[in-house]
Amino acid sequence: QVQLVESGGGLVQPGGSLRLTCAASGIIFSSASMGWYRQAPGNQRELVAFITSGGFTNYANSVKGRFSISRDNAKNTGYLQMNSLKPEDTAVYYCQVNLQWGQGTQVTVSS
């Protein structure tokens, strides 16, 4: 069965950085696309960044130039590097692979 485990969230000051990790198992990760999503309280879950099996990436306008999605197929792991974080980036961040979801990791941006 597919299992996705996110990590790397935490509390960071505005302007700071975090790197989220999504460790995948039970799936041929190299053949799958992966997305990072986030959900803030009272809001719908939204797509933040997406990477295909071939490495094509796409980003939400709100994070372009600040976030970077990548993957290491040898480690069955995906990443989301988040720089220049803003309070409005505060949310639970989830990875999705083949329509499966991880449990999420909380990111809080606050001074």
Foldseek 3Di string as FASTA:
>chain_A
DKAWAKDWADEAAQQAKIKIKIAIPPDQLLQKKKWKWWDDPPGDIGTAKIAGSVGDIDGDPVQPPFWDKDDDSVRNMIMIIGGRDDQVVFTWMWMDIPNDIHPTDTHGYHD
